[in-house]
Amino acid sequence: MDSVSPELISNNQGYDRSHKQRLECLICNYHVDLNDKSAFSTFFCNVRAFRDEKFPIWRCPTCQTIHCLDVVDIDSYYAKYPFAEAKLTLPFRLCYQNLCQKMIEHGFSKTHSFLDYGCGNGLVVQYLRENGFANAYGYDPYAPKESFGDATVLQRGPFDYILLQDIIEHVEDPHALLSKLDSLLAPGGYLLLGTPNATNIDINRPELSNYYNAVHVPYHIHIYTREVVESLGKQQGWEVVKFFNRGYDDTRWFGLNTRTWNEYQSISDGTFDVIFEEINIWQALKSYRFLFYAFFGYWLSLRTDMTIMFRKKITD
């Protein structure tokens, strides 16, 4: 990360250059030119508490990684993050069923130990425990210590299965994160990683929820392609077991797909928050586009998310 000179500040009006910024791609070391305004797109924050704030992003022309330019005090943004208020409703249960099925297909059973790293308020853990997975645990550094913020739970490792869902794009250093998880993953264990797919995100359409949800500034710091994520896993010595070209919340259930989620936001206030609130049924049913995507959205997915199953090799 680099500090920006006063000259660049004066030459790039419209952006606040008074703090550190991400000018170098952490994957391939490409350095973006701040004077090249065409290199940047501006997205608004899709969290209601900060919806009036806008942030520039840029895509590395070499490896296609998308970077959020400005370094912010991210703790203040997480303090009002809507997912913290989410409840384990039927839609979440159906989506988590879809997520867990991906692990079950690779041997996950009620006898295995499981860690949801970056679990938020622990809905996946709650779902698993309700379904008999007694060895399911969660950890999130932004959660209260008396809840899922207690790092001592990591001492229960190594874990047979680790879930890293919508986390890698939130951290500055993916190498450090994956290295830590490698130390928590048992030999022969599986890690399921879900994250946005930079390849399918159009950064020139910041007005569309189909894309601004995936970009999710300033929370998403770096967004990677499939090739980059698989390479990061292989650097840990993991093998790629399976690639899924969509997220766990993109299901065949009526109304439970990303196109429907995004459309509902568009007919509401446009923010991420509405997903975690009680649905306005009448507002939704009055929208022909909402009903269309509720039926057909799965097959019209833009695949802005991806899921990759890794396996840690067993060493002699």
Protein backbone atom coordinates (compact mmCIF):
# COMPACT_ATOMS: atom_id res chain seq x y z
CA MET A 1 0.00 0.00 0.00
CA ASP A 2 1.26 3.45 -0.85
CA SER A 3 0.76 6.96 0.43
CA VAL A 4 -0.32 9.44 -2.22
CA SER A 5 1.61 12.59 -2.92
CA PRO A 6 0.02 16.07 -2.74
CA GLU A 7 0.58 16.41 -6.49
CA LEU A 8 -1.61 13.38 -7.19
CA ILE A 9 -4.23 14.67 -4.80
CA SER A 10 -4.51 17.93 -6.70
CA ASN A 11 -4.53 16.18 -10.07
CA ASN A 12 -7.38 13.81 -9.18
CA GLN A 13 -10.23 15.92 -7.93
CA GLY A 14 -13.30 14.02 -6.79
CA TYR A 15 -11.36 11.40 -4.83
CA ASP A 16 -10.06 11.94 -1.31
CA ARG A 17 -6.34 11.16 -1.53
CA SER A 18 -5.54 12.17 2.05
CA HIS A 19 -5.05 8.58 3.23
CA LYS A 20 -3.41 5.37 2.09
CA GLN A 21 -4.60 3.63 -1.03
CA ARG A 22 -4.16 0.32 -2.80
CA LEU A 23 -2.16 1.25 -5.87
CA GLU A 24 -0.36 -2.05 -6.39
CA CYS A 25 -1.93 -5.40 -7.21
CA LEU A 26 -0.98 -7.83 -4.45
CA ILE A 27 -1.21 -10.74 -6.91
CA CYS A 28 0.99 -9.61 -9.80
CA ASN A 29 2.45 -6.28 -8.55
CA TYR A 30 0.92 -4.20 -11.33
CA HIS A 31 0.93 -0.52 -10.32
CA VAL A 32 -2.10 1.55 -11.30
CA ASP A 33 -1.64 5.12 -12.50
CA LEU A 34 -3.76 7.52 -10.44
CA ASN A 35 -3.61 10.05 -13.27
CA ASP A 36 -5.42 7.61 -15.55
CA LYS A 37 -9.02 8.34 -14.60
CA SER A 38 -10.26 5.71 -17.06
CA ALA A 39 -8.73 3.03 -14.84
CA PHE A 40 -11.26 3.67 -12.07
CA SER A 41 -14.97 3.14 -11.55
CA THR A 42 -16.93 4.50 -8.62
CA PHE A 43 -19.42 2.37 -6.65
CA PHE A 44 -21.69 3.43 -3.81
CA CYS A 45 -21.82 1.50 -0.55
CA ASN A 46 -24.82 -0.85 -0.57
CA VAL A 47 -25.17 -0.86 3.23
CA ARG A 48 -27.94 1.49 4.33
CA ALA A 49 -25.96 3.26 7.04
CA PHE A 50 -23.33 4.34 4.47
CA ARG A 51 -25.35 4.50 1.26
CA ASP A 52 -24.28 8.10 0.58
CA GLU A 53 -20.62 7.13 0.47
CA LYS A 54 -18.85 6.25 -2.78
CA PHE A 55 -15.58 4.45 -3.38
CA PRO A 56 -13.35 4.07 -6.45
CA ILE A 57 -12.24 0.61 -7.58
CA TRP A 58 -9.88 -0.60 -10.29
CA ARG A 59 -9.25 -3.85 -12.13
CA CYS A 60 -5.72 -5.10 -12.63
CA PRO A 61 -5.25 -5.48 -16.41
CA THR A 62 -2.77 -8.32 -15.88
CA CYS A 63 -4.52 -10.75 -13.50
CA GLN A 64 -8.03 -9.19 -13.54
CA THR A 65 -8.17 -8.83 -9.73
CA ILE A 66 -10.50 -6.00 -8.66
CA HIS A 67 -9.21 -3.70 -5.90
CA CYS A 68 -10.98 -1.18 -3.69
CA LEU A 69 -8.70 1.85 -3.93
CA ASP A 70 -9.23 3.58 -0.59
CA VAL A 71 -8.05 2.16 2.72
CA VAL A 72 -10.71 2.99 5.32
CA ASP A 73 -11.32 2.40 9.02
CA ILE A 74 -13.17 -0.82 8.28
CA ASP A 75 -14.09 -1.47 11.92
CA SER A 76 -16.49 1.47 11.84
CA TYR A 77 -18.24 0.00 8.80
CA TYR A 78 -18.61 -3.43 10.36
CA ALA A 79 -20.15 -1.83 13.45
CA LYS A 80 -23.33 -1.30 11.40
CA TYR A 81 -23.18 -4.40 9.21
CA PRO A 82 -26.73 -5.72 8.59
CA PHE A 83 -25.83 -9.42 8.60
CA ALA A 84 -25.30 -9.19 12.36
CA GLU A 85 -29.09 -8.93 12.75
CA ALA A 86 -29.94 -11.87 10.46
CA LYS A 87 -32.08 -14.74 11.75
CA LEU A 88 -32.15 -18.36 10.64
CA THR A 89 -35.29 -18.08 8.53
CA LEU A 90 -36.56 -20.62 6.00
CA PRO A 91 -34.76 -18.96 3.04
CA PHE A 92 -31.45 -19.12 4.91
CA ARG A 93 -32.10 -22.73 5.87
CA LEU A 94 -32.66 -23.70 2.24
CA CYS A 95 -29.53 -21.86 1.14
CA TYR A 96 -27.45 -23.45 3.91
CA GLN A 97 -28.83 -26.83 2.92
CA ASN A 98 -27.42 -26.18 -0.53
CA LEU A 99 -24.08 -25.10 0.96
CA CYS A 100 -23.77 -28.11 3.27
CA GLN A 101 -24.67 -30.51 0.49
CA LYS A 102 -21.45 -29.50 -1.27
CA MET A 103 -19.50 -30.73 1.76
CA ILE A 104 -21.65 -33.84 2.25
CA GLU A 105 -20.84 -34.82 -1.34
CA HIS A 106 -17.21 -34.91 -0.18
CA GLY A 107 -17.72 -37.02 2.91
CA PHE A 108 -18.90 -34.50 5.50
CA SER A 109 -20.75 -36.32 8.28
CA LYS A 110 -21.98 -35.68 11.82
CA THR A 111 -18.83 -37.21 13.26
CA HIS A 112 -16.50 -34.70 11.60
CA SER A 113 -15.25 -31.48 13.14
CA PHE A 114 -16.21 -28.28 11.32
CA LEU A 115 -15.14 -24.66 11.55
CA ASP A 116 -16.92 -21.70 9.93
CA TYR A 117 -14.14 -19.13 9.83
CA GLY A 118 -15.60 -15.64 9.64
CA CYS A 119 -19.00 -16.93 10.71
CA GLY A 120 -20.69 -13.59 11.47
CA ASN A 121 -23.43 -14.31 13.98
CA GLY A 122 -23.08 -18.06 13.44
CA LEU A 123 -26.14 -18.96 11.37
CA VAL A 124 -24.37 -21.80 9.54
CA VAL A 125 -23.16 -23.22 12.85
CA GLN A 126 -26.67 -22.91 14.28
CA TYR A 127 -28.10 -24.70 11.23
CA LEU A 128 -25.59 -27.54 11.47
CA ARG A 129 -26.04 -28.06 15.19
CA GLU A 130 -29.81 -28.16 14.78
CA ASN A 131 -29.25 -30.93 12.25
CA GLY A 132 -27.08 -33.04 14.51
CA PHE A 133 -23.58 -31.79 13.64
CA ALA A 134 -22.42 -31.46 17.24
CA ASN A 135 -18.80 -30.72 16.34
CA ALA A 136 -19.61 -27.56 14.39
CA TYR A 137 -17.85 -24.39 15.57
CA GLY A 138 -17.53 -20.82 14.39
CA TYR A 139 -15.14 -17.93 14.76
CA ASP A 140 -15.35 -14.33 13.63
CA PRO A 141 -12.88 -11.63 14.72
CA TYR A 142 -15.62 -8.98 14.48
CA ALA A 143 -18.08 -10.88 16.69
CA PRO A 144 -18.36 -10.22 20.45
CA LYS A 145 -15.89 -12.30 22.44
CA GLU A 146 -18.73 -13.82 24.48
CA SER A 147 -20.22 -15.07 21.22
CA PHE A 148 -18.20 -16.15 18.17
CA GLY A 149 -15.32 -13.74 18.74
CA ASP A 150 -13.55 -16.04 21.18
CA ALA A 151 -10.39 -17.21 19.43
CA THR A 152 -9.86 -20.06 21.88
CA VAL A 153 -12.32 -22.09 19.81
CA LEU A 154 -9.55 -22.41 17.21
CA GLN A 155 -7.66 -24.57 19.69
CA ARG A 156 -10.22 -27.30 19.01
CA GLY A 157 -8.50 -27.86 15.67
CA PRO A 158 -7.30 -29.30 13.49
CA PHE A 159 -10.69 -29.43 11.78
CA ASP A 160 -11.85 -31.94 9.20
CA TYR A 161 -13.84 -29.31 7.28
CA ILE A 162 -13.45 -25.54 7.16
CA LEU A 163 -15.86 -23.11 5.55
CA LEU A 164 -14.49 -19.81 4.27
CA GLN A 165 -17.61 -18.16 2.90
CA ASP A 166 -17.40 -14.56 1.70
CA ILE A 167 -14.23 -13.88 3.70
CA ILE A 168 -11.15 -13.89 1.47
CA GLU A 169 -12.33 -10.79 -0.39
CA HIS A 170 -12.58 -8.93 2.95
CA VAL A 171 -8.92 -9.28 3.99
CA GLU A 172 -5.83 -7.36 2.96
CA ASP A 173 -3.51 -10.38 2.80
CA PRO A 174 -5.04 -13.59 1.43
CA HIS A 175 -1.74 -15.44 1.79
CA ALA A 176 -1.68 -14.87 5.56
CA LEU A 177 -5.33 -15.89 5.89
CA LEU A 178 -4.95 -19.13 3.96
CA SER A 179 -1.71 -19.96 5.76
CA LYS A 180 -3.54 -19.62 9.09
CA LEU A 181 -6.35 -21.84 7.85
CA ASP A 182 -3.85 -24.41 6.63
CA SER A 183 -2.60 -24.69 10.21
CA LEU A 184 -6.20 -25.29 11.36
CA LEU A 185 -7.07 -27.84 8.67
CA ALA A 186 -6.42 -31.51 9.33
CA PRO A 187 -4.34 -33.49 6.78
CA GLY A 188 -6.80 -34.85 4.25
CA GLY A 189 -9.33 -32.24 5.33
CA TYR A 190 -11.47 -30.10 3.05
CA LEU A 191 -11.87 -26.33 2.80
CA LEU A 192 -14.89 -24.88 1.00
CA LEU A 193 -14.23 -21.34 -0.20
CA GLY A 194 -16.97 -19.07 -1.52
CA THR A 195 -16.23 -15.63 -2.94
CA PRO A 196 -17.24 -13.26 -5.77
CA ASN A 197 -15.84 -14.05 -9.21
CA ALA A 198 -14.04 -11.02 -10.64
CA THR A 199 -14.25 -12.40 -14.16
CA ASN A 200 -18.03 -12.00 -14.29
CA ILE A 201 -18.30 -8.59 -12.64
CA ASP A 202 -18.83 -5.61 -14.94
CA ILE A 203 -17.20 -2.71 -13.11
CA ASN A 204 -18.58 -0.29 -15.70
CA ARG A 205 -22.16 -0.84 -14.48
CA PRO A 206 -22.05 0.46 -10.90
CA GLU A 207 -25.77 1.29 -10.95
CA LEU A 208 -26.83 -2.36 -11.21
CA SER A 209 -27.36 -4.40 -8.05
CA ASN A 210 -26.19 -7.46 -10.01
CA TYR A 211 -22.71 -5.93 -9.83
CA TYR A 212 -22.63 -3.49 -6.93
CA ASN A 213 -23.59 -6.29 -4.52
CA ALA A 214 -20.59 -8.32 -5.64
CA VAL A 215 -18.28 -5.31 -5.49
CA HIS A 216 -19.67 -4.36 -2.03
CA VAL A 217 -17.40 -1.41 -1.26
CA PRO A 218 -15.61 -0.77 1.02
CA TYR A 219 -15.99 -4.24 2.59
CA HIS A 220 -14.64 -6.18 -0.40
CA ILE A 221 -10.99 -5.19 -0.55
CA HIS A 222 -9.77 -7.55 -3.30
CA ILE A 223 -11.96 -9.63 -5.62
CA TYR A 224 -10.28 -12.48 -7.49
CA THR A 225 -10.76 -14.67 -10.52
CA ARG A 226 -11.08 -18.44 -10.34
CA GLU A 227 -7.51 -18.82 -11.57
CA VAL A 228 -6.14 -16.56 -8.84
CA VAL A 229 -8.05 -18.25 -6.00
CA GLU A 230 -7.06 -21.71 -7.15
CA SER A 231 -3.44 -20.55 -7.38
CA LEU A 232 -3.60 -19.16 -3.83
CA GLY A 233 -4.87 -22.52 -2.59
CA LYS A 234 -2.23 -24.46 -4.48
CA GLN A 235 0.46 -22.28 -2.89
CA GLN A 236 -0.68 -23.78 0.43
CA GLY A 237 -0.21 -27.25 -1.01
CA TRP A 238 -3.96 -27.84 -1.40
CA GLU A 239 -5.48 -29.59 -4.37
CA VAL A 240 -8.57 -28.30 -6.16
CA VAL A 241 -11.30 -30.91 -5.79
CA LYS A 242 -14.24 -29.18 -7.45
CA PHE A 243 -15.28 -25.81 -8.85
CA PHE A 244 -18.85 -24.51 -8.67
CA ASN A 245 -19.63 -21.56 -10.95
CA ARG A 246 -22.13 -19.95 -8.58
CA GLY A 247 -22.63 -19.18 -4.91
CA TYR A 248 -24.52 -21.28 -2.36
CA ASP A 249 -27.43 -18.80 -2.34
CA ASP A 250 -28.04 -19.29 -6.07
CA THR A 251 -30.49 -22.19 -5.83
CA ARG A 252 -33.30 -23.77 -7.83
CA TRP A 253 -35.83 -22.97 -5.09
CA PHE A 254 -38.49 -20.45 -6.12
CA GLY A 255 -37.19 -16.97 -5.40
CA LEU A 256 -33.92 -18.14 -3.87
CA ASN A 257 -31.36 -17.10 -6.46
CA THR A 258 -29.07 -14.13 -6.85
CA ARG A 259 -31.04 -12.50 -9.67
CA THR A 260 -34.13 -12.46 -7.44
CA TRP A 261 -32.20 -11.12 -4.43
CA ASN A 262 -30.77 -8.36 -6.59
CA GLU A 263 -34.11 -7.48 -8.15
CA TYR A 264 -35.77 -7.26 -4.76
CA GLN A 265 -33.12 -4.80 -3.66
CA SER A 266 -33.76 -2.73 -6.77
CA ILE A 267 -37.49 -2.42 -6.07
CA SER A 268 -36.78 -1.66 -2.40
CA ASP A 269 -34.25 0.95 -1.29
CA GLY A 270 -31.36 -0.60 -3.21
CA THR A 271 -29.43 -1.62 -0.13
CA PHE A 272 -28.04 -4.90 1.13
CA ASP A 273 -30.03 -4.48 4.36
CA VAL A 274 -33.39 -5.50 2.85
CA ILE A 275 -32.19 -9.10 2.43
CA PHE A 276 -32.05 -9.45 6.22
CA GLU A 277 -35.41 -7.82 6.90
CA GLU A 278 -38.94 -9.14 6.61
CA ILE A 279 -39.87 -9.30 2.94
CA ASN A 280 -42.51 -6.91 1.64
CA ILE A 281 -44.63 -9.52 -0.14
CA TRP A 282 -46.98 -7.10 -1.87
CA GLN A 283 -44.17 -4.95 -3.17
CA ALA A 284 -42.44 -8.04 -4.56
CA LEU A 285 -45.55 -9.52 -6.17
CA LYS A 286 -46.32 -6.25 -7.97
CA SER A 287 -42.99 -6.46 -9.81
CA TYR A 288 -43.07 -8.49 -13.02
CA ARG A 289 -39.28 -8.57 -13.08
CA PHE A 290 -39.17 -9.97 -9.54
CA LEU A 291 -41.63 -12.73 -10.42
CA PHE A 292 -39.76 -13.51 -13.62
CA TYR A 293 -36.45 -13.95 -11.80
CA ALA A 294 -38.14 -15.82 -8.96
CA PHE A 295 -39.05 -18.50 -11.53
CA PHE A 296 -36.12 -18.33 -13.96
CA GLY A 297 -33.29 -16.49 -12.17
CA TYR A 298 -31.27 -19.62 -11.46
CA TRP A 299 -30.94 -20.37 -15.17
CA LEU A 300 -30.18 -16.73 -15.95
CA SER A 301 -27.49 -16.39 -13.31
CA LEU A 302 -24.69 -13.96 -14.06
CA ARG A 303 -22.40 -16.18 -11.97
CA THR A 304 -20.86 -13.27 -10.09
CA ASP A 305 -20.00 -15.70 -7.28
CA MET A 306 -18.08 -18.95 -7.21
CA THR A 307 -17.33 -21.78 -4.80
CA ILE A 308 -14.17 -23.90 -4.75
CA MET A 309 -13.55 -27.08 -2.77
CA PHE A 310 -9.93 -27.62 -1.73
CA ARG A 311 -8.37 -30.64 -0.03
CA LYS A 312 -5.25 -30.63 2.10
CA LYS A 313 -2.87 -33.36 1.10
CA ILE A 314 -1.83 -36.06 3.53
CA THR A 315 1.92 -35.94 4.00
CA ASP A 316 4.13 -38.81 5.08
